[in-house]
C-alpha cells in the first residue's frame, strides 16, 4: 500500500511532518509548512517545464501521484533503505505499493533539487514515453533536465551540475562503445559517476544543435527497432565513435535556454501529520520498500515499542499491522485490521492493507499460500468497488489469482492491464502482465509490454528474466508469487554525490 492516503489525518499542530498534496504530487517534509509548500510549487513548475518541452503531454492527467519525501539526512535515507550506497543522496521507486521519490534536503554534490528533478524526469519518461531507449539516453536525458534552475522570475534549462562537470575533467572517461552499449548495472560501481557524466554530456551535445538532434532521433529509433546501438549511432551521425568522442571533449560552451517563470500557484491540500509520524513514518516506508518475509528483529521490536506509545492512532496501528504481516505475527496483524474494519468497514486503506497483508503472509509461508491468497480476494474486491482507479488493488487481486490452475484467464489479463494503465512507470505491472501474456502464447503482445522492463537502465533480475523468457517465446505454468527482491537494489539514478575514486 502507498502512504499517500494512509496519512490523511490532522494531528497535533506541533507535529514535525507536513504533507502537501497537489494535482500531481504529494510532498512530505519537516521544518515548517512553508518550505514544503515551496518545494511542491517548485516541482509543479518543473513538471510544467518538461511538458512544455514535450507538448504531447501537456493535457495528460496524472493517474497516479508521485509521493516525494524530503529527508533531513542520509541517516534518514538509510533508515528507509538500508542497502543504499555510500554517496547516494536520493532514489526513486515505482512499485506495486505506489510511486515514491526520496531526497536528502542539503549537502553533497547533488542537492534535493538535482536528485528529485532527476528522479521525476525518469518517472515522466516512463509515464509518457515508455519505449526501448538505450540506458545512456535514459540517464543522460534525466541528467540534462535535472539541472533546471528555477528562480522567482526565470527558469533556466541546460546548465550543469558541478559534480558531473568535475567528472568530465577529472576522471578517466569510459570508452564511448561502453557508454552506448551498457547499462549502469553493467558498469562497475566506481565508474558510475563517469557513466552519468558522459551520458549527460552526450545528451547535451546532441540536443544543442538541430542537425545533431535529428541524428539523435534517428539513432534512437534504430535502437528501439533492435539495431546495434554503436552501428546505429555511427550511421545516424555519419562519423566514427572516435570522431564523436573527440567532439565531445571539445564541447565546452553549453547551449542553455532561459524562459520566464510562469508563476504557477497550484492548489494545495495541507495536512499536519500526527506525532506518530515522527516515530513511525520512515519505518512504515521501509516496510513498504522491503522484501516480504525478510525478518529484521530490531526493526520489528522497534515498531512494536513505538506503536504502543500511540494507542488508537491510525498510522501507528497500520504500521504495526504491516510489520506483523511482513515479518512478525500474522495473527496479530489480522486482529488489528479486523478491529479497524469492524469500526469502519469502508476504509479504503484499511481494506487494502488487510487484503495485501494476506498476500504478503502467503508469500512468507508456502504451505498457507492458497488459503491466504483466497482470503485476500473479498477484501480487495471491496476496495476495488470503493476506488476502481487504484492500481494497487488490481495488482494485488491479480497476484492473489496466480495460484489458481486456470490462471491467467482473460479476466486476469484484463485486471493486470488495468493495473498497468494508471501507473506505467511501475515496471512490476509490466513484468507480470508480460509474463502472463507469454504463458498464453502471445509473444508479440508480451514483447510490447516488456520493452520498458528489458531496457531499464538499471537492469536487474527482472530485466534478465524477461529477456530470457521472451526469447524462448512461450512459458509454461508461471509462478507469480515470489517477489524479485533477492538482491540489493542497483545504485539509484542520482549516482554518487562526489567524484568516484579513479
Protein backbone atom coordinates (compact mmCIF):
# COMPACT_ATOMS: atom_id res chain seq x y z
CA UNK A 1 0.00 0.00 0.00
CA UNK A 2 1.07 3.55 -0.59
CA UNK A 3 1.21 6.02 2.22
CA UNK A 4 -0.42 8.88 0.34
CA UNK A 5 -3.95 8.27 1.55
CA UNK A 6 -2.84 6.48 4.70
CA UNK A 7 -1.83 9.71 6.40
CA UNK A 8 -4.85 11.92 5.74
CA UNK A 9 -5.30 12.68 9.39
CA UNK A 10 -4.76 16.01 11.01
CA UNK A 11 -2.80 15.87 14.24
CA UNK A 12 -1.00 17.99 16.73
CA UNK A 13 -0.08 21.45 15.49
CA UNK A 14 3.41 20.77 16.81
CA UNK A 15 3.98 17.70 14.65
CA UNK A 16 7.22 17.81 12.67
CA UNK A 17 5.94 16.26 9.43
CA UNK A 18 3.82 18.19 6.94
CA UNK A 19 2.03 16.71 3.92
CA UNK A 20 1.23 18.90 0.89
CA UNK A 21 -0.84 17.46 -1.98
CA UNK A 22 -1.21 18.96 -5.45
CA UNK A 23 -2.74 17.56 -8.63
CA UNK A 24 0.44 15.60 -9.44
CA UNK A 25 2.49 15.31 -6.25
CA UNK A 26 2.24 14.51 -2.58
CA UNK A 27 5.19 16.10 -0.78
CA UNK A 28 6.23 15.22 2.77
CA UNK A 29 8.77 17.24 4.70
CA UNK A 30 9.88 18.67 8.01
CA UNK A 31 10.97 22.14 9.02
CA UNK A 32 7.74 24.06 8.56
CA UNK A 33 4.74 24.15 6.26
CA UNK A 34 6.04 26.91 4.00
CA UNK A 35 9.20 25.06 2.99
CA UNK A 36 7.14 22.03 1.94
CA UNK A 37 4.70 24.26 0.07
CA UNK A 38 7.58 25.97 -1.72
CA UNK A 39 9.04 22.66 -2.84
CA UNK A 40 5.65 21.44 -4.07
CA UNK A 41 5.40 24.63 -6.15
CA UNK A 42 8.91 24.10 -7.50
CA UNK A 43 8.07 20.52 -8.53
CA UNK A 44 4.92 21.79 -10.25
CA UNK A 45 6.98 24.32 -12.20
CA UNK A 46 9.49 21.62 -13.16
CA UNK A 47 6.66 19.40 -14.40
CA UNK A 48 5.44 22.39 -16.47
CA UNK A 49 8.94 22.70 -18.00
CA UNK A 50 9.00 19.04 -19.03
CA UNK A 51 5.54 19.27 -20.56
CA UNK A 52 6.41 22.42 -22.47
CA UNK A 53 9.42 20.66 -23.98
CA UNK A 54 7.13 17.72 -24.84
CA UNK A 55 3.82 19.29 -25.97
CA UNK A 56 2.00 15.99 -26.44
CA UNK A 57 1.99 15.57 -22.64
CA UNK A 58 0.52 18.98 -21.73
CA UNK A 59 -3.05 17.86 -21.15
CA UNK A 60 -2.38 14.42 -19.71
CA UNK A 61 -3.79 13.83 -16.27
CA UNK A 62 -1.64 12.27 -13.56
CA UNK A 63 -3.45 8.99 -12.84
CA UNK A 64 -1.01 8.14 -10.04
CA UNK A 65 0.65 10.85 -7.96
CA UNK A 66 4.32 10.77 -7.09
CA UNK A 67 4.95 10.74 -3.34
CA UNK A 68 8.02 12.84 -2.54
CA UNK A 69 9.87 12.68 0.78
CA UNK A 70 12.30 15.44 1.76
CA UNK A 71 14.61 13.90 4.36
CA UNK A 72 16.85 15.71 6.81
CA UNK A 73 19.92 13.50 6.48
CA UNK A 74 21.42 10.47 4.84
CA UNK A 75 20.74 8.61 8.09
CA UNK A 76 17.04 9.13 7.42
CA UNK A 77 17.53 7.94 3.85
CA UNK A 78 19.30 4.83 5.13
CA UNK A 79 16.52 4.28 7.64
CA UNK A 80 14.14 3.98 4.69
CA UNK A 81 16.50 1.88 2.54
CA UNK A 82 19.48 0.43 4.47
CA UNK A 83 21.05 -1.01 1.30
CA UNK A 84 21.79 2.30 -0.43
CA UNK A 85 25.37 3.05 -1.39
CA UNK A 86 27.64 5.50 0.37
CA UNK A 87 27.22 8.58 -1.81
CA UNK A 88 23.54 8.21 -2.60
CA UNK A 89 21.52 11.38 -1.97
CA UNK A 90 18.16 10.03 -3.05
CA UNK A 91 16.32 7.44 -5.11
CA UNK A 92 13.08 6.71 -6.93
CA UNK A 93 10.98 3.60 -6.64
CA UNK A 94 7.88 2.87 -8.73
CA UNK A 95 6.35 -0.32 -7.35
CA UNK A 96 3.08 -2.08 -6.77
CA UNK A 97 2.70 -0.14 -3.49
CA UNK A 98 2.96 3.29 -5.09
CA UNK A 99 5.42 5.69 -6.73
CA UNK A 100 8.00 7.18 -4.34
CA UNK A 101 10.91 9.59 -4.56
CA UNK A 102 13.30 10.35 -1.68
CA UNK A 103 15.99 13.01 -1.32
CA UNK A 104 18.24 14.42 1.36
CA UNK A 105 17.49 18.13 1.51
CA UNK A 106 21.01 19.54 1.83
CA UNK A 107 24.66 18.64 1.40
CA UNK A 108 26.79 16.77 -1.11
CA UNK A 109 27.37 17.42 -4.77
CA UNK A 110 23.74 16.69 -5.65
CA UNK A 111 21.17 18.70 -3.68
CA UNK A 112 17.47 17.91 -3.29
CA UNK A 113 16.56 19.77 -6.48
CA UNK A 114 19.05 17.82 -8.58
CA UNK A 115 18.12 14.47 -7.07
CA UNK A 116 14.36 14.86 -7.25
CA UNK A 117 14.42 16.55 -10.66
CA UNK A 118 16.48 13.60 -11.95
CA UNK A 119 14.12 11.06 -10.40
CA UNK A 120 11.00 12.82 -11.64
CA UNK A 121 12.47 13.03 -15.14
CA UNK A 122 12.72 9.22 -15.11
CA UNK A 123 9.13 9.00 -13.95
CA UNK A 124 7.98 11.46 -16.61
CA UNK A 125 9.68 9.46 -19.37
CA UNK A 126 8.24 6.15 -18.17
CA UNK A 127 4.75 7.59 -17.75
CA UNK A 128 4.62 9.35 -21.10
CA UNK A 129 7.14 7.68 -23.42
CA UNK A 130 7.60 4.03 -22.41
CA UNK A 131 9.89 2.71 -25.12
CA UNK A 132 13.11 0.79 -25.71
CA UNK A 133 15.50 3.68 -25.10
CA UNK A 134 19.18 2.88 -24.52
CA UNK A 135 20.29 3.20 -20.91
CA UNK A 136 22.72 6.05 -21.53
CA UNK A 137 19.95 8.19 -23.05
CA UNK A 138 17.53 7.46 -20.21
CA UNK A 139 20.17 8.67 -17.76
CA UNK A 140 21.51 11.48 -19.95
CA UNK A 141 18.02 12.86 -20.55
CA UNK A 142 17.32 12.89 -16.81
CA UNK A 143 20.72 14.48 -16.14
CA UNK A 144 20.05 17.16 -18.78
CA UNK A 145 16.76 18.25 -17.22
CA UNK A 146 17.79 17.79 -13.58
CA UNK A 147 19.97 20.91 -13.78
CA UNK A 148 16.93 23.09 -14.43
CA UNK A 149 17.25 26.21 -12.28
CA UNK A 150 14.03 27.74 -11.02
CA UNK A 151 14.07 31.22 -9.50
CA UNK A 152 11.25 33.63 -8.76
CA UNK A 153 11.39 35.24 -12.20
CA UNK A 154 13.24 32.85 -14.51
CA UNK A 155 13.67 29.20 -15.42
CA UNK A 156 16.99 28.12 -16.97
CA UNK A 157 17.40 24.76 -18.74
CA UNK A 158 20.61 23.16 -19.95
CA UNK A 159 23.11 24.03 -17.24
CA UNK A 160 25.44 21.65 -15.46
CA UNK A 161 25.91 20.00 -12.09
CA UNK A 162 29.37 20.67 -10.56
CA UNK A 163 29.92 17.04 -9.55
CA UNK A 164 29.16 15.83 -13.07
CA UNK A 165 31.27 18.53 -14.70
CA UNK A 166 34.14 17.69 -12.39
CA UNK A 167 33.98 14.08 -13.53
CA UNK A 168 34.27 15.19 -17.16
CA UNK A 169 37.52 16.99 -16.40
CA UNK A 170 38.99 14.92 -13.57
CA UNK A 171 38.07 11.30 -14.23
CA UNK A 172 39.19 8.83 -16.83
CA UNK A 173 36.48 8.55 -19.46
CA UNK A 174 34.64 5.37 -20.23
CA UNK A 175 35.12 4.23 -23.83
CA UNK A 176 32.20 5.56 -25.86
CA UNK A 177 31.49 2.00 -27.00
CA UNK A 178 30.83 1.03 -23.38
CA UNK A 179 28.60 4.03 -22.75
CA UNK A 180 26.46 3.33 -25.80
CA UNK A 181 26.09 -0.41 -25.22
CA UNK A 182 25.98 -0.91 -21.45
CA UNK A 183 23.59 -0.13 -18.62
CA UNK A 184 24.53 1.32 -15.26
CA UNK A 185 24.03 -2.16 -13.80
CA UNK A 186 26.76 -3.40 -16.17
CA UNK A 187 29.14 -0.63 -15.13
CA UNK A 188 31.49 -1.02 -12.17
CA UNK A 189 30.20 0.97 -9.15
CA UNK A 190 33.31 3.14 -9.01
CA UNK A 191 32.71 4.17 -12.64
CA UNK A 192 29.04 5.12 -12.37
CA UNK A 193 29.79 8.81 -11.87
CA UNK A 194 31.73 8.80 -15.16
CA UNK A 195 28.79 6.99 -16.79
CA UNK A 196 26.23 9.58 -15.66
CA UNK A 197 28.51 12.48 -16.52
CA UNK A 198 29.28 11.28 -20.04
CA UNK A 199 25.63 10.39 -20.62
CA UNK A 200 24.72 13.97 -19.67
CA UNK A 201 27.43 15.43 -21.92
CA UNK A 202 26.46 13.31 -24.92
CA UNK A 203 22.77 14.16 -24.50
CA UNK A 204 23.54 17.86 -24.11
CA UNK A 205 25.82 17.85 -27.17
CA UNK A 206 23.32 16.04 -29.38
CA UNK A 207 20.39 18.25 -28.28
CA UNK A 208 22.25 21.55 -28.65
CA UNK A 209 22.15 21.61 -32.46
CA UNK A 210 19.18 20.98 -34.77
CA UNK A 211 21.14 18.68 -37.09
CA UNK A 212 22.56 16.65 -34.23
CA UNK A 213 19.12 16.48 -32.60
CA UNK A 214 17.73 14.89 -35.78
CA UNK A 215 20.66 12.47 -35.83
CA UNK A 216 19.93 11.55 -32.21
CA UNK A 217 16.28 10.85 -33.04
CA UNK A 218 17.34 8.67 -35.96
CA UNK A 219 19.75 6.67 -33.79
CA UNK A 220 17.17 6.21 -31.01
CA UNK A 221 14.55 4.96 -33.46
CA UNK A 222 17.02 2.44 -34.90
CA UNK A 223 17.98 1.21 -31.44
CA UNK A 224 14.31 0.89 -30.46
CA UNK A 225 13.86 -1.28 -33.56
CA UNK A 226 16.52 -3.63 -32.26
CA UNK A 227 19.54 -2.48 -34.26
CA UNK A 228 23.05 -2.42 -32.81
CA UNK A 229 23.45 0.77 -30.71
CA UNK A 230 27.02 1.54 -31.84
CA UNK A 231 26.30 1.00 -35.51
CA UNK A 232 23.05 2.98 -35.20
CA UNK A 233 24.90 5.96 -33.82
CA UNK A 234 27.61 5.84 -36.48
CA UNK A 235 25.07 5.57 -39.30
CA UNK A 236 22.99 8.44 -37.89
CA UNK A 237 25.93 10.79 -37.35
CA UNK A 238 27.88 9.75 -40.44
CA UNK A 239 31.08 9.50 -38.41
CA UNK A 240 33.07 7.16 -36.20
CA UNK A 241 32.89 6.92 -32.43
CA UNK A 242 36.45 8.24 -32.26
CA UNK A 243 35.35 11.39 -34.09
CA UNK A 244 32.31 11.75 -31.83
CA UNK A 245 34.45 11.31 -28.72
CA UNK A 246 36.85 13.99 -29.92
CA UNK A 247 33.91 16.38 -30.50
CA UNK A 248 32.59 15.70 -27.01
CA UNK A 249 35.95 16.52 -25.44
CA UNK A 250 35.91 19.88 -27.24
CA UNK A 251 32.31 20.66 -26.28
CA UNK A 252 32.61 23.37 -23.62
CA UNK A 253 30.18 26.17 -24.44
CA UNK A 254 26.84 24.84 -23.22
CA UNK A 255 23.72 25.98 -25.02
CA UNK A 256 21.17 26.97 -22.35
CA UNK A 257 17.57 28.11 -22.59
CA UNK A 258 16.08 30.77 -20.33
CA UNK A 259 12.34 31.42 -20.07
CA UNK A 260 10.04 33.38 -17.79
CA UNK A 261 8.85 31.61 -14.67
CA UNK A 262 5.12 31.06 -15.31
CA UNK A 263 4.33 31.88 -11.69
CA UNK A 264 2.23 28.79 -11.11
CA UNK A 265 0.17 28.63 -7.93
CA UNK A 266 -1.04 25.03 -7.68
CA UNK A 267 -3.97 24.20 -5.45
CA UNK A 268 -2.70 22.50 -2.30
CA UNK A 269 -4.21 20.45 0.48
CA UNK A 270 -2.04 20.73 3.58
CA UNK A 271 -2.10 18.23 6.43
CA UNK A 272 -0.07 18.39 9.60
CA UNK A 273 0.72 14.79 10.48
CA UNK A 274 0.20 13.38 13.98
CA UNK A 275 3.03 12.82 16.42
CA UNK A 276 3.11 9.16 15.46
CA UNK A 277 4.67 10.19 12.14
CA UNK A 278 7.83 11.32 13.95
CA UNK A 279 8.23 7.79 15.27
CA UNK A 280 6.81 5.63 12.51
CA UNK A 281 6.57 7.33 9.10
CA UNK A 282 10.04 6.27 7.95
CA UNK A 283 9.62 2.79 9.46
CA UNK A 284 6.39 2.38 7.50
CA UNK A 285 8.17 3.38 4.31
CA UNK A 286 10.92 0.88 4.97
CA UNK A 287 8.32 -1.85 5.32
CA UNK A 288 6.72 -0.78 2.03
CA UNK A 289 10.08 -0.97 0.23
CA UNK A 290 11.40 -4.12 1.91
CA UNK A 291 11.09 -7.68 0.59
CA UNK A 292 8.29 -9.58 2.28
CA UNK A 293 9.42 -12.16 4.81
CA UNK A 294 12.92 -10.77 5.37
CA UNK A 295 12.88 -10.62 9.16
CA UNK A 296 14.59 -7.74 10.90
CA UNK A 297 14.16 -8.40 14.60
CA UNK A 298 15.39 -4.96 15.59
CA UNK A 299 13.02 -3.15 13.23
CA UNK A 300 10.06 -5.27 14.32
CA UNK A 301 10.78 -4.73 18.03
CA UNK A 302 11.20 -1.01 17.47
CA UNK A 303 7.87 -0.71 15.63
CA UNK A 304 6.07 -2.64 18.35
CA UNK A 305 7.57 -0.41 21.02
CA UNK A 306 6.83 2.85 19.19
CA UNK A 307 3.30 1.83 18.17
CA UNK A 308 2.50 1.15 21.82
CA UNK A 309 3.15 4.84 22.53
CA UNK A 310 0.27 5.82 20.20
CA UNK A 311 -2.76 3.67 21.10
CA UNK A 312 -5.61 4.02 18.63
CA UNK A 313 -3.53 6.09 16.20
CA UNK A 314 -4.18 5.28 12.54
CA UNK A 315 -0.58 5.37 11.31
CA UNK A 316 0.72 3.51 14.37
CA UNK A 317 -1.80 0.70 14.01
CA UNK A 318 -1.39 0.36 10.27
CA UNK A 319 2.41 0.34 10.52
CA UNK A 320 2.30 -2.28 13.25
CA UNK A 321 -0.16 -4.43 11.27
CA UNK A 322 2.04 -4.21 8.18
CA UNK A 323 5.12 -5.17 10.21
CA UNK A 324 3.34 -8.23 11.58
CA UNK A 325 2.15 -9.28 8.11
CA UNK A 326 5.60 -8.76 6.57
CA UNK A 327 7.88 -10.22 9.24
CA UNK A 328 6.09 -10.80 12.52
CA UNK A 329 2.97 -12.45 13.96
CA UNK A 330 0.42 -12.65 11.15
CA UNK A 331 -2.43 -13.37 13.57
CA UNK A 332 -1.68 -10.12 15.37
CA UNK A 333 -1.75 -8.21 12.09
CA UNK A 334 -5.09 -9.82 11.25
CA UNK A 335 -6.56 -8.89 14.63
CA UNK A 336 -5.54 -5.24 14.27
CA UNK A 337 -7.12 -4.95 10.84
CA UNK A 338 -10.24 -6.87 11.84
CA UNK A 339 -10.82 -4.44 14.70
CA UNK A 340 -10.25 -1.44 12.47
CA UNK A 341 -12.61 -2.70 9.76
CA UNK A 342 -15.30 -3.52 12.30
CA UNK A 343 -15.16 0.12 13.38
CA UNK A 344 -15.06 1.49 9.81
CA UNK A 345 -15.90 -1.14 7.16
CA UNK A 346 -15.43 1.17 4.16
CA UNK A 347 -11.97 2.49 4.92
CA UNK A 348 -10.14 2.02 1.61
CA UNK A 349 -6.61 1.97 3.04
CA UNK A 350 -7.57 -0.48 5.77
CA UNK A 351 -9.21 -2.78 3.23
CA UNK A 352 -6.10 -2.61 1.04
CA UNK A 353 -3.79 -3.33 3.94
CA UNK A 354 -5.96 -6.19 5.20
CA UNK A 355 -6.07 -7.71 1.71
CA UNK A 356 -2.47 -7.22 0.73
CA UNK A 357 -1.46 -8.30 4.23
CA UNK A 358 -2.93 -11.71 3.44
CA UNK A 359 -0.98 -11.78 0.18
CA UNK A 360 2.24 -10.86 1.99
CA UNK A 361 1.59 -13.55 4.60
CA UNK A 362 1.04 -16.04 1.77
CA UNK A 363 4.38 -15.10 0.25
CA UNK A 364 6.07 -15.83 3.56
CA UNK A 365 4.62 -19.30 4.12
CA UNK A 366 4.15 -21.52 1.07
CA UNK A 367 2.02 -24.05 2.94
CA UNK A 368 -0.54 -21.32 3.71
CA UNK A 369 -0.35 -19.56 0.37
CA UNK A 370 -3.54 -20.84 -1.21
CA UNK A 371 -5.64 -20.09 1.87
CA UNK A 372 -4.11 -16.66 2.36
CA UNK A 373 -4.47 -15.60 -1.26
CA UNK A 374 -8.10 -16.65 -1.38
CA UNK A 375 -8.79 -14.84 1.90
CA UNK A 376 -7.40 -11.65 0.36
CA UNK A 377 -9.83 -11.50 -2.54
CA UNK A 378 -13.06 -10.39 -0.80
CA UNK A 379 -11.18 -7.57 0.90
CA UNK A 380 -9.53 -6.46 -2.33
CA UNK A 381 -12.79 -6.76 -4.26
CA UNK A 382 -14.48 -4.43 -1.78
CA UNK A 383 -11.57 -1.99 -2.02
CA UNK A 384 -11.91 -2.05 -5.81
CA UNK A 385 -15.58 -1.11 -5.56
CA UNK A 386 -14.62 1.91 -3.46
CA UNK A 387 -11.95 3.09 -5.94
CA UNK A 388 -11.78 1.38 -9.33
CA UNK A 389 -8.85 3.53 -10.43
CA UNK A 390 -6.39 2.41 -7.74
CA UNK A 391 -3.81 0.23 -9.48
CA UNK A 392 -2.60 -1.24 -6.17
CA UNK A 393 -5.90 -3.07 -5.64
CA UNK A 394 -5.98 -4.59 -9.12
CA UNK A 395 -2.35 -5.67 -8.96
CA UNK A 396 -2.81 -7.37 -5.57
CA UNK A 397 -6.00 -9.05 -6.75
CA UNK A 398 -4.31 -10.44 -9.87
CA UNK A 399 -1.43 -11.64 -7.72
CA UNK A 400 -3.88 -13.46 -5.43
CA UNK A 401 -5.32 -15.19 -8.51
CA UNK A 402 -1.93 -16.52 -9.64
CA UNK A 403 -2.29 -19.70 -7.55
CA UNK A 404 -5.33 -20.90 -9.48
CA UNK A 405 -4.96 -23.65 -12.12
CA UNK A 406 -6.90 -21.53 -14.63
CA UNK A 407 -4.59 -18.51 -14.25
CA UNK A 408 -4.31 -16.42 -16.35
CA UNK A 409 -7.87 -16.14 -17.61
CA UNK A 410 -8.94 -13.30 -19.86
CA UNK A 411 -10.27 -11.54 -16.76
CA UNK A 412 -6.85 -11.94 -15.10
CA UNK A 413 -5.15 -10.40 -18.13
CA UNK A 414 -7.67 -7.56 -18.09
CA UNK A 415 -7.00 -6.92 -14.39
CA UNK A 416 -3.23 -6.80 -14.96
CA UNK A 417 -3.67 -4.50 -17.96
CA UNK A 418 -6.00 -2.25 -15.99
CA UNK A 419 -3.47 -2.12 -13.15
CA UNK A 420 -0.73 -1.16 -15.59
CA UNK A 421 -2.65 1.66 -17.29
CA UNK A 422 -2.72 4.29 -14.47
CA UNK A 423 0.88 3.61 -13.44
CA UNK A 424 3.02 2.67 -16.48
CA UNK A 425 6.16 3.62 -14.54
CA UNK A 426 5.57 0.62 -12.25
CA UNK A 427 7.60 -1.92 -14.14
CA UNK A 428 6.46 -4.83 -11.99
CA UNK A 429 2.99 -4.44 -13.51
CA UNK A 430 4.51 -4.66 -16.99
CA UNK A 431 6.60 -7.66 -15.95
CA UNK A 432 3.63 -9.56 -14.51
CA UNK A 433 1.40 -8.78 -17.48
CA UNK A 434 4.16 -9.67 -19.95
CA UNK A 435 4.79 -12.99 -18.25
CA UNK A 436 1.08 -13.78 -18.22
CA UNK A 437 0.81 -12.98 -21.93
CA UNK A 438 3.76 -15.27 -22.61
CA UNK A 439 2.03 -18.01 -20.68
CA UNK A 440 -0.91 -17.62 -23.08
CA UNK A 441 1.49 -17.80 -26.06
CA UNK A 442 1.01 -14.14 -27.04
CA UNK A 443 4.67 -13.33 -27.65
CA UNK A 444 4.22 -10.17 -29.75
CA UNK A 445 1.91 -8.60 -27.17
CA UNK A 446 4.30 -9.63 -24.42
CA UNK A 447 7.26 -8.08 -26.23
CA UNK A 448 5.50 -4.70 -26.41
CA UNK A 449 4.59 -4.82 -22.72
CA UNK A 450 8.06 -5.96 -21.61
CA UNK A 451 10.13 -3.48 -23.65
CA UNK A 452 10.48 -0.91 -20.82
CA UNK A 453 11.42 -3.67 -18.36
CA UNK A 454 14.05 -5.22 -20.60
CA UNK A 455 15.55 -1.83 -21.43
CA UNK A 456 15.56 -0.49 -17.88
CA UNK A 457 18.88 1.34 -17.39
CA UNK A 458 19.34 -0.40 -14.06
CA UNK A 459 18.78 -3.87 -15.46
CA UNK A 460 18.34 -6.35 -12.65
CA UNK A 461 16.96 -9.84 -12.44
CA UNK A 462 13.53 -8.86 -13.76
CA UNK A 463 15.04 -7.48 -16.98
CA UNK A 464 17.22 -10.55 -17.47
CA UNK A 465 14.40 -12.96 -16.74
CA UNK A 466 12.04 -11.11 -19.08
CA UNK A 467 14.64 -11.10 -21.86
CA UNK A 468 15.34 -14.82 -21.46
CA UNK A 469 11.69 -15.89 -21.37
CA UNK A 470 10.76 -13.61 -24.25
CA UNK A 471 13.50 -15.17 -26.38
CA UNK A 472 12.07 -18.59 -25.58
CA UNK A 473 8.74 -17.35 -26.90
CA UNK A 474 6.46 -19.18 -24.52
CA UNK A 475 6.47 -20.39 -20.94
CA UNK A 476 4.54 -22.98 -19.05
CA UNK A 477 2.90 -22.62 -15.66
CA UNK A 478 4.06 -19.32 -14.22
CA UNK A 479 4.67 -18.69 -10.53
CA UNK A 480 3.96 -15.04 -9.79
CA UNK A 481 4.03 -15.43 -6.03
CA UNK A 482 7.65 -14.66 -5.15
CA UNK A 483 8.96 -11.10 -5.25
CA UNK A 484 12.04 -10.48 -7.36
CA UNK A 485 13.94 -8.88 -4.46
CA UNK A 486 16.80 -11.20 -3.61
CA UNK A 487 19.49 -8.69 -4.46
CA UNK A 488 20.20 -5.21 -3.15
CA UNK A 489 18.89 -2.51 -5.48
CA UNK A 490 21.30 -1.08 -8.05
CA UNK A 491 22.79 2.35 -7.45
CA UNK A 492 19.90 4.82 -7.66
CA UNK A 493 19.89 7.09 -10.70
CA UNK A 494 21.21 10.03 -8.66
CA UNK A 495 24.62 8.36 -8.53
CA UNK A 496 27.40 9.36 -6.15
CA UNK A 497 27.42 12.88 -4.82
CA UNK A 498 31.16 13.30 -5.28
CA UNK A 499 33.57 12.07 -7.94
CA UNK A 500 34.26 8.37 -7.57
CA UNK A 501 37.85 7.24 -6.95
CA UNK A 502 39.93 6.96 -10.09
